[in-house]
Amino acid sequence: MDGIDPTVPPSGTGCEECLREGGWWFHLRRCAQCGHVGCCDSSPSQHATAHYRATGHPFIQSFEPGEDWFYHYPRDAMYEGPVLAAPDSRPADQPAPGPAGRVPPNWTSLLHG
């Protein structure tokens, strides 16, 4: 599929920008074209969508354990897609929200609806 490269591994185990900036995330999403891992739209910084806007890479896949759905930004639609290069999720022992030690006590009030 155009916009999906199953050979590219994820960029890391957490949101690239949140880790660099000292932020935190609720759930993680992986760009299916370049492997960028960003935080979901419920997260305070919404880095996965910001990555789409900056690059035009159309597909993300959930980067949460047990989830394998794809989302296509331009069509606002869910898809099934190919198996992407490992790993297929954040480490199971990494908390959500995360990363450990950075999530504020009032995190639920900081989520986007």
Protein backbone atom coordinates (compact mmCIF):
# COMPACT_ATOMS: atom_id res chain seq x y z
CA MET A 1 0.00 0.00 0.00
CA ASP A 2 1.22 3.49 -0.73
CA GLY A 3 2.30 5.12 2.52
CA ILE A 4 3.23 1.88 4.29
CA ASP A 5 6.76 0.46 4.39
CA PRO A 6 6.69 -2.82 6.33
CA THR A 7 10.51 -3.01 6.43
CA VAL A 8 11.10 0.13 8.52
CA PRO A 9 11.47 -0.46 12.27
CA PRO A 10 9.94 1.90 14.84
CA SER A 11 12.02 4.90 15.89
CA GLY A 12 12.03 3.82 19.53
CA THR A 13 9.88 2.61 22.40
CA GLY A 14 8.25 5.96 23.22
CA CYS A 15 7.18 9.24 21.65
CA GLU A 16 10.33 10.78 20.15
CA GLU A 17 9.35 14.37 20.93
CA CYS A 18 8.00 13.72 24.44
CA LEU A 19 11.19 11.88 25.39
CA ARG A 20 13.33 14.70 24.00
CA GLU A 21 11.22 17.49 25.55
CA GLY A 22 10.54 15.87 28.94
CA GLY A 23 6.85 15.32 28.22
CA TRP A 24 4.54 12.35 28.65
CA TRP A 25 1.95 10.46 26.58
CA PHE A 26 -1.27 8.53 26.96
CA HIS A 27 -0.95 6.06 24.05
CA LEU A 28 1.57 5.64 21.24
CA ARG A 29 1.18 5.59 17.45
CA ARG A 30 3.72 4.50 14.83
CA CYS A 31 4.06 6.04 11.37
CA ALA A 32 3.67 3.16 8.94
CA GLN A 33 5.90 4.86 6.37
CA CYS A 34 9.00 5.97 8.32
CA GLY A 35 8.59 4.35 11.76
CA HIS A 36 8.29 7.61 13.76
CA VAL A 37 6.71 6.87 17.15
CA GLY A 38 4.52 9.69 18.44
CA CYS A 39 1.83 10.21 21.03
CA CYS A 40 -1.89 9.89 20.28
CA ASP A 41 -4.43 12.70 19.95
CA SER A 42 -5.63 12.19 23.53
CA SER A 43 -2.09 12.98 24.71
CA PRO A 44 -1.26 16.59 25.62
CA SER A 45 1.14 17.14 22.71
CA GLN A 46 -0.45 15.03 19.92
CA HIS A 47 2.89 14.36 18.22
CA ALA A 48 1.67 11.57 15.90
CA THR A 49 -0.77 13.92 14.17
CA ALA A 50 1.85 16.68 14.12
CA HIS A 51 4.16 14.23 12.33
CA TYR A 52 1.46 13.55 9.72
CA ARG A 53 0.93 17.28 9.18
CA ALA A 54 4.67 17.89 8.79
CA THR A 55 5.40 14.92 6.51
CA GLY A 56 2.15 13.90 4.83
CA HIS A 57 2.79 10.27 5.79
CA PRO A 58 -0.81 9.04 5.68
CA PHE A 59 -0.93 5.88 7.84
CA ILE A 60 -0.30 5.24 11.51
CA GLN A 61 -0.56 1.99 13.39
CA SER A 62 -1.27 1.61 17.08
CA PHE A 63 1.96 1.01 19.00
CA GLU A 64 0.14 -0.43 22.00
CA PRO A 65 0.47 -4.09 23.04
CA GLY A 66 -2.25 -6.28 21.55
CA GLU A 67 -3.40 -3.69 18.99
CA ASP A 68 -2.66 -3.88 15.26
CA TRP A 69 -5.11 -1.42 13.65
CA PHE A 70 -4.10 1.17 11.06
CA TYR A 71 -5.57 4.65 10.64
CA HIS A 72 -5.48 6.69 7.43
CA TYR A 73 -5.42 10.44 8.14
CA PRO A 74 -6.62 11.78 4.77
CA ARG A 75 -9.65 9.46 4.69
CA ASP A 76 -10.27 9.51 8.47
CA ALA A 77 -10.70 5.74 8.26
CA MET A 78 -9.48 2.57 9.94
CA TYR A 79 -7.71 -0.09 7.88
CA GLU A 80 -6.11 -3.49 8.12
CA GLY A 81 -2.54 -3.56 6.94
CA PRO A 82 0.58 -5.67 6.69
CA VAL A 83 2.76 -6.81 9.57
CA LEU A 84 5.37 -4.11 10.19
CA ALA A 85 9.00 -4.62 11.23
CA ALA A 86 9.47 -5.58 14.88
CA PRO A 87 8.84 -4.57 17.53
CA ASP A 88 5.11 -4.12 16.99
CA SER A 89 4.40 -2.23 20.23
CA ARG A 90 5.94 -0.44 23.16
CA PRO A 91 7.40 -2.83 25.74
CA ALA A 92 4.63 -4.49 27.74
CA ASP A 93 6.31 -3.44 31.01
CA GLN A 94 6.30 0.24 29.98
CA PRO A 95 3.25 1.90 31.53
CA ALA A 96 0.48 3.74 29.73
CA PRO A 97 0.40 6.59 30.27
CA GLY A 98 4.15 6.92 30.22
CA PRO A 99 6.98 7.16 30.53
CA ALA A 100 7.27 6.11 34.15
CA GLY A 101 8.14 9.00 36.42
CA ARG A 102 6.92 11.77 34.11
CA VAL A 103 3.15 11.36 34.26
CA PRO A 104 1.57 14.00 36.53
CA PRO A 105 -0.88 12.92 39.23
CA ASN A 106 -3.71 14.84 37.52
CA TRP A 107 -3.02 13.28 34.10
CA THR A 108 -6.65 12.38 33.39
CA SER A 109 -7.64 16.05 33.53
CA LEU A 110 -4.92 16.89 30.96
CA LEU A 111 -6.11 14.52 28.21
CA HIS A 112 -7.74 15.79 25.03
CA GLY A 113 -11.23 14.46 24.46
